[in-house]
């Protein structure tokens, strides 16, 4: 059960807001932080937690995997760890950069290397 919030999609959420929106008790969210190293909300003074939009998406995904897909905690841990080890530019689902980004960066690097060599001559 996901509740729509009045906050903007990119806004940080407190643990109470996330708990209410996702329908997950706060103690479960704290427990998940100990079990999933990928889930690391910002902690400010007084250890108040602020969940980034990426953290919110991860919480919703973990919840769906556990509740709807039938995964165990260990199964979700393995799944997330395996996804973290994939090289970027993979299947396009959840990868951070595609092959074209890598090619563009390499082209810029090569241009800079050439400019440095020409400058030294």
C-alpha atoms as a PDB file:
ATOM      1  CA  UNK A   1       0.000   0.000   0.000  1.00  0.00           C
ATOM      2  CA  UNK A   2       1.626   3.224  -1.176  1.00  0.00           C
ATOM      3  CA  UNK A   3       0.113   6.519  -0.028  1.00  0.00           C
ATOM      4  CA  UNK A   4       0.548   9.624  -2.195  1.00  0.00           C
ATOM      5  CA  UNK A   5       2.444  12.410  -0.441  1.00  0.00           C
ATOM      6  CA  UNK A   6       2.078  16.187  -0.642  1.00  0.00           C
ATOM      7  CA  UNK A   7       5.869  16.457  -1.004  1.00  0.00           C
ATOM      8  CA  UNK A   8       7.639  16.739  -4.326  1.00  0.00           C
ATOM      9  CA  UNK A   9       8.956  13.499  -5.810  1.00  0.00           C
ATOM     10  CA  UNK A  10      12.581  14.601  -5.309  1.00  0.00           C
ATOM     11  CA  UNK A  11      12.132  15.702  -1.690  1.00  0.00           C
ATOM     12  CA  UNK A  12      13.794  13.864   1.163  1.00  0.00           C
ATOM     13  CA  UNK A  13      11.514  11.846   3.445  1.00  0.00           C
ATOM     14  CA  UNK A  14      11.769  11.312   7.168  1.00  0.00           C
ATOM     15  CA  UNK A  15      11.385   7.787   8.477  1.00  0.00           C
ATOM     16  CA  UNK A  16       7.859   8.638   9.639  1.00  0.00           C
ATOM     17  CA  UNK A  17       6.837   9.965   6.243  1.00  0.00           C
ATOM     18  CA  UNK A  18       8.327   6.986   4.419  1.00  0.00           C
ATOM     19  CA  UNK A  19       6.720   4.591   6.876  1.00  0.00           C
ATOM     20  CA  UNK A  20       3.324   6.184   6.311  1.00  0.00           C
ATOM     21  CA  UNK A  21       3.658   6.408   2.517  1.00  0.00           C
ATOM     22  CA  UNK A  22       4.996   2.867   2.024  1.00  0.00           C
ATOM     23  CA  UNK A  23       2.883   1.224   4.714  1.00  0.00           C
ATOM     24  CA  UNK A  24       5.994  -0.237   6.384  1.00  0.00           C
ATOM     25  CA  UNK A  25       6.523   0.157  10.136  1.00  0.00           C
ATOM     26  CA  UNK A  26       9.470   2.312  11.202  1.00  0.00           C
ATOM     27  CA  UNK A  27      11.140  -0.523  13.075  1.00  0.00           C
ATOM     28  CA  UNK A  28      11.138  -2.601   9.885  1.00  0.00           C
ATOM     29  CA  UNK A  29      12.829   0.234   7.973  1.00  0.00           C
ATOM     30  CA  UNK A  30      15.504   0.458  10.687  1.00  0.00           C
ATOM     31  CA  UNK A  31      15.976  -3.319  10.528  1.00  0.00           C
ATOM     32  CA  UNK A  32      16.348  -3.206   6.742  1.00  0.00           C
ATOM     33  CA  UNK A  33      19.111  -0.610   7.162  1.00  0.00           C
ATOM     34  CA  UNK A  34      21.078  -3.246   9.110  1.00  0.00           C
ATOM     35  CA  UNK A  35      20.467  -5.949   6.497  1.00  0.00           C
ATOM     36  CA  UNK A  36      20.856  -4.048   3.219  1.00  0.00           C
ATOM     37  CA  UNK A  37      24.069  -2.014   2.881  1.00  0.00           C
ATOM     38  CA  UNK A  38      22.582  -0.295  -0.173  1.00  0.00           C
ATOM     39  CA  UNK A  39      19.992   1.382   2.067  1.00  0.00           C
ATOM     40  CA  UNK A  40      21.823   4.249   3.759  1.00  0.00           C
ATOM     41  CA  UNK A  41      19.649   7.298   4.485  1.00  0.00           C
ATOM     42  CA  UNK A  42      21.291  10.541   5.526  1.00  0.00           C
ATOM     43  CA  UNK A  43      21.464  10.961   9.289  1.00  0.00           C
ATOM     44  CA  UNK A  44      21.519  14.451  10.744  1.00  0.00           C
ATOM     45  CA  UNK A  45      21.806  15.741  14.278  1.00  0.00           C
ATOM     46  CA  UNK A  46      19.966  13.559  16.736  1.00  0.00           C
ATOM     47  CA  UNK A  47      20.322  10.647  14.284  1.00  0.00           C
ATOM     48  CA  UNK A  48      17.244  11.815  12.391  1.00  0.00           C
ATOM     49  CA  UNK A  49      16.979   9.879   9.132  1.00  0.00           C
ATOM     50  CA  UNK A  50      16.344  11.480   5.761  1.00  0.00           C
ATOM     51  CA  UNK A  51      15.608   9.137   2.881  1.00  0.00           C
ATOM     52  CA  UNK A  52      16.649  10.282  -0.593  1.00  0.00           C
ATOM     53  CA  UNK A  53      14.425   9.482  -3.605  1.00  0.00           C
ATOM     54  CA  UNK A  54      16.780   6.578  -4.472  1.00  0.00           C
ATOM     55  CA  UNK A  55      16.383   5.230  -0.926  1.00  0.00           C
ATOM     56  CA  UNK A  56      12.599   5.476  -1.223  1.00  0.00           C
ATOM     57  CA  UNK A  57      12.681   3.543  -4.505  1.00  0.00           C
ATOM     58  CA  UNK A  58      14.918   0.890  -2.917  1.00  0.00           C
ATOM     59  CA  UNK A  59      12.587   0.516   0.076  1.00  0.00           C
ATOM     60  CA  UNK A  60       9.612   0.060  -2.255  1.00  0.00           C
ATOM     61  CA  UNK A  61      11.542  -2.486  -4.304  1.00  0.00           C
ATOM     62  CA  UNK A  62      12.655  -4.456  -1.232  1.00  0.00           C
ATOM     63  CA  UNK A  63       9.074  -4.429   0.021  1.00  0.00           C
ATOM     64  CA  UNK A  64       7.748  -5.711  -3.308  1.00  0.00           C
ATOM     65  CA  UNK A  65      10.393  -8.446  -3.502  1.00  0.00           C
ATOM     66  CA  UNK A  66       9.616  -9.629   0.020  1.00  0.00           C
ATOM     67  CA  UNK A  67       5.839  -9.292   0.013  1.00  0.00           C
ATOM     68  CA  UNK A  68       4.801  -9.874  -3.598  1.00  0.00           C
ATOM     69  CA  UNK A  69       7.609 -11.915  -5.141  1.00  0.00           C
ATOM     70  CA  UNK A  70       8.129 -14.212  -2.153  1.00  0.00           C
ATOM     71  CA  UNK A  71      11.841 -13.551  -1.662  1.00  0.00           C
ATOM     72  CA  UNK A  72      13.479 -14.034   1.716  1.00  0.00           C
ATOM     73  CA  UNK A  73      15.730 -11.401   3.298  1.00  0.00           C
ATOM     74  CA  UNK A  74      18.739 -13.481   2.245  1.00  0.00           C
ATOM     75  CA  UNK A  75      17.376 -13.785  -1.296  1.00  0.00           C
ATOM     76  CA  UNK A  76      16.915 -10.027  -1.631  1.00  0.00           C
ATOM     77  CA  UNK A  77      20.418  -9.472  -0.215  1.00  0.00           C
ATOM     78  CA  UNK A  78      21.892 -11.784  -2.863  1.00  0.00           C
ATOM     79  CA  UNK A  79      19.848 -10.191  -5.637  1.00  0.00           C
ATOM     80  CA  UNK A  80      20.888  -6.648  -4.713  1.00  0.00           C
ATOM     81  CA  UNK A  81      24.529  -7.675  -4.233  1.00  0.00           C
ATOM     82  CA  UNK A  82      24.577  -9.342  -7.661  1.00  0.00           C
ATOM     83  CA  UNK A  83      23.121  -6.217  -9.274  1.00  0.00           C
ATOM     84  CA  UNK A  84      25.768  -4.084  -7.595  1.00  0.00           C
ATOM     85  CA  UNK A  85      28.552  -6.213  -9.113  1.00  0.00           C
ATOM     86  CA  UNK A  86      27.280  -5.948 -12.696  1.00  0.00           C
ATOM     87  CA  UNK A  87      29.342  -3.764 -14.995  1.00  0.00           C
ATOM     88  CA  UNK A  88      27.602  -0.568 -16.034  1.00  0.00           C
ATOM     89  CA  UNK A  89      25.864  -0.482 -19.379  1.00  0.00           C
ATOM     90  CA  UNK A  90      24.159  -3.834 -18.822  1.00  0.00           C
ATOM     91  CA  UNK A  91      20.533  -4.569 -19.605  1.00  0.00           C
ATOM     92  CA  UNK A  92      19.362  -0.964 -19.234  1.00  0.00           C
ATOM     93  CA  UNK A  93      17.230  -1.769 -16.201  1.00  0.00           C
ATOM     94  CA  UNK A  94      18.746   0.018 -13.258  1.00  0.00           C
ATOM     95  CA  UNK A  95      22.195   0.520 -14.766  1.00  0.00           C
ATOM     96  CA  UNK A  96      23.761   3.875 -14.072  1.00  0.00           C
ATOM     97  CA  UNK A  97      25.404   4.554 -17.430  1.00  0.00           C
ATOM     98  CA  UNK A  98      24.957   3.163 -20.888  1.00  0.00           C
ATOM     99  CA  UNK A  99      27.592   2.224 -23.439  1.00  0.00           C
ATOM    100  CA  UNK A 100      27.238   5.545 -25.280  1.00  0.00           C
ATOM    101  CA  UNK A 101      28.134   7.459 -22.096  1.00  0.00           C
ATOM    102  CA  UNK A 102      31.282   5.383 -21.706  1.00  0.00           C
ATOM    103  CA  UNK A 103      32.272   5.947 -25.324  1.00  0.00           C
ATOM    104  CA  UNK A 104      31.745   9.707 -24.962  1.00  0.00           C
ATOM    105  CA  UNK A 105      33.893   9.843 -21.833  1.00  0.00           C
ATOM    106  CA  UNK A 106      36.660   7.850 -23.523  1.00  0.00           C
ATOM    107  CA  UNK A 107      36.566  10.219 -26.494  1.00  0.00           C
ATOM    108  CA  UNK A 108      36.976  13.217 -24.170  1.00  0.00           C
ATOM    109  CA  UNK A 109      39.829  11.457 -22.360  1.00  0.00           C
ATOM    110  CA  UNK A 110      41.590  10.683 -25.644  1.00  0.00           C
ATOM    111  CA  UNK A 111      41.205  14.293 -26.772  1.00  0.00           C
ATOM    112  CA  UNK A 112      42.727  15.537 -23.516  1.00  0.00           C
ATOM    113  CA  UNK A 113      45.620  13.082 -23.719  1.00  0.00           C
ATOM    114  CA  UNK A 114      46.338  14.193 -27.303  1.00  0.00           C
ATOM    115  CA  UNK A 115      46.211  17.862 -26.265  1.00  0.00           C
ATOM    116  CA  UNK A 116      48.688  17.223 -23.432  1.00  0.00           C
ATOM    117  CA  UNK A 117      51.065  15.408 -25.779  1.00  0.00           C
ATOM    118  CA  UNK A 118      50.867  18.210 -28.353  1.00  0.00           C
ATOM    119  CA  UNK A 119      51.474  20.781 -25.605  1.00  0.00           C
ATOM    120  CA  UNK A 120      54.666  19.006 -24.488  1.00  0.00           C
ATOM    121  CA  UNK A 121      56.180  19.055 -27.999  1.00  0.00           C
END
